Amino acid sequence: MPQLNTSTWFIIIMTMLPALYLMMQLKLLNMKYYLPPSQKTPNTQVFNNPWQLKWTKIYLPHLQPPHS
């Protein structure tokens, strides 16, 4: 049974890697990159609520020390 000749594999693999790299770079050069859509500020309506006119804070009742 004849042996498989692997003496040229190293050269083939080492020349294939730059060739694949160059082919990918050429593919990427031909791609068209579209700009993202411009950011639009949403039209938000401000509603006047009575609780927005003043500062309020809800306090918990004071803790009472236990009576004995």
C-alpha atoms as a PDB file:
ATOM      1  CA  MET A   1       0.000   0.000   0.000  1.00  0.00           C
ATOM      2  CA  PRO A   2       1.604   3.331  -1.019  1.00  0.00           C
ATOM      3  CA  GLN A   3       2.321   6.039   1.528  1.00  0.00           C
ATOM      4  CA  LEU A   4       0.601   9.430   1.359  1.00  0.00           C
ATOM      5  CA  ASN A   5       3.040  12.138   0.339  1.00  0.00           C
ATOM      6  CA  THR A   6       2.593  15.055   2.783  1.00  0.00           C
ATOM      7  CA  SER A   7       5.769  16.965   1.930  1.00  0.00           C
ATOM      8  CA  THR A   8       3.952  19.725   0.035  1.00  0.00           C
ATOM      9  CA  TRP A   9       1.107  20.252   2.529  1.00  0.00           C
ATOM     10  CA  PHE A  10       2.966  22.879   4.537  1.00  0.00           C
ATOM     11  CA  ILE A  11       3.614  25.053   1.481  1.00  0.00           C
ATOM     12  CA  ILE A  12       0.035  24.677   0.246  1.00  0.00           C
ATOM     13  CA  ILE A  13      -1.446  25.627   3.641  1.00  0.00           C
ATOM     14  CA  MET A  14       0.915  28.563   4.100  1.00  0.00           C
ATOM     15  CA  THR A  15       0.068  29.992   0.672  1.00  0.00           C
ATOM     16  CA  MET A  16      -3.653  29.334   1.158  1.00  0.00           C
ATOM     17  CA  LEU A  17      -3.854  31.504   4.314  1.00  0.00           C
ATOM     18  CA  PRO A  18      -2.715  34.798   2.705  1.00  0.00           C
ATOM     19  CA  ALA A  19      -4.835  34.042  -0.353  1.00  0.00           C
ATOM     20  CA  LEU A  20      -7.944  33.599   1.807  1.00  0.00           C
ATOM     21  CA  TYR A  21      -7.085  36.751   3.736  1.00  0.00           C
ATOM     22  CA  LEU A  22      -6.761  38.779   0.533  1.00  0.00           C
ATOM     23  CA  MET A  23     -10.004  37.365  -0.857  1.00  0.00           C
ATOM     24  CA  MET A  24     -11.858  38.346   2.326  1.00  0.00           C
ATOM     25  CA  GLN A  25     -10.403  41.856   2.185  1.00  0.00           C
ATOM     26  CA  LEU A  26     -11.529  42.246  -1.429  1.00  0.00           C
ATOM     27  CA  LYS A  27     -15.018  41.043  -0.488  1.00  0.00           C
ATOM     28  CA  LEU A  28     -15.196  43.553   2.358  1.00  0.00           C
ATOM     29  CA  LEU A  29     -14.057  46.383   0.090  1.00  0.00           C
ATOM     30  CA  ASN A  30     -16.996  45.760  -2.222  1.00  0.00           C
ATOM     31  CA  MET A  31     -19.565  45.746   0.564  1.00  0.00           C
ATOM     32  CA  LYS A  32     -21.738  48.823   0.913  1.00  0.00           C
ATOM     33  CA  TYR A  33     -22.126  50.025   4.474  1.00  0.00           C
ATOM     34  CA  TYR A  34     -25.310  51.970   4.957  1.00  0.00           C
ATOM     35  CA  LEU A  35     -25.402  54.803   7.450  1.00  0.00           C
ATOM     36  CA  PRO A  36     -27.693  54.314  10.424  1.00  0.00           C
ATOM     37  CA  PRO A  37     -30.905  56.326  10.279  1.00  0.00           C
ATOM     38  CA  SER A  38     -30.661  59.772  11.791  1.00  0.00           C
ATOM     39  CA  GLN A  39     -31.828  60.080  15.347  1.00  0.00           C
ATOM     40  CA  LYS A  40     -35.102  61.902  15.636  1.00  0.00           C
ATOM     41  CA  THR A  41     -36.243  63.446  18.867  1.00  0.00           C
ATOM     42  CA  PRO A  42     -39.628  62.054  19.762  1.00  0.00           C
ATOM     43  CA  ASN A  43     -42.453  64.538  20.188  1.00  0.00           C
ATOM     44  CA  THR A  44     -43.267  64.154  23.834  1.00  0.00           C
ATOM     45  CA  GLN A  45     -46.178  65.971  25.313  1.00  0.00           C
ATOM     46  CA  VAL A  46     -45.804  67.371  28.801  1.00  0.00           C
ATOM     47  CA  PHE A  47     -48.905  67.032  30.913  1.00  0.00           C
ATOM     48  CA  ASN A  48     -49.370  69.364  33.827  1.00  0.00           C
ATOM     49  CA  ASN A  49     -50.264  67.288  36.827  1.00  0.00           C
ATOM     50  CA  PRO A  50     -50.982  68.939  40.166  1.00  0.00           C
ATOM     51  CA  TRP A  51     -48.500  66.721  41.972  1.00  0.00           C
ATOM     52  CA  GLN A  52     -45.668  67.861  39.691  1.00  0.00           C
ATOM     53  CA  LEU A  53     -46.037  71.459  40.833  1.00  0.00           C
ATOM     54  CA  LYS A  54     -44.881  70.878  44.361  1.00  0.00           C
ATOM     55  CA  TRP A  55     -42.322  68.779  46.114  1.00  0.00           C
ATOM     56  CA  THR A  56     -43.867  66.056  48.183  1.00  0.00           C
ATOM     57  CA  LYS A  57     -42.431  63.256  50.173  1.00  0.00           C
ATOM     58  CA  ILE A  58     -44.201  60.538  52.065  1.00  0.00           C
ATOM     59  CA  TYR A  59     -42.811  59.873  55.499  1.00  0.00           C
ATOM     60  CA  LEU A  60     -43.294  56.722  57.463  1.00  0.00           C
ATOM     61  CA  PRO A  61     -44.656  57.245  60.967  1.00  0.00           C
ATOM     62  CA  HIS A  62     -42.000  57.627  63.628  1.00  0.00           C
ATOM     63  CA  LEU A  63     -41.082  54.482  65.360  1.00  0.00           C
ATOM     64  CA  GLN A  64     -42.146  54.675  68.984  1.00  0.00           C
ATOM     65  CA  PRO A  65     -39.936  53.102  71.592  1.00  0.00           C
ATOM     66  CA  PRO A  66     -41.725  50.192  73.244  1.00  0.00           C
ATOM     67  CA  HIS A  67     -43.710  51.287  76.299  1.00  0.00           C
ATOM     68  CA  SER A  68     -43.282  49.236  79.396  1.00  0.00           C
END
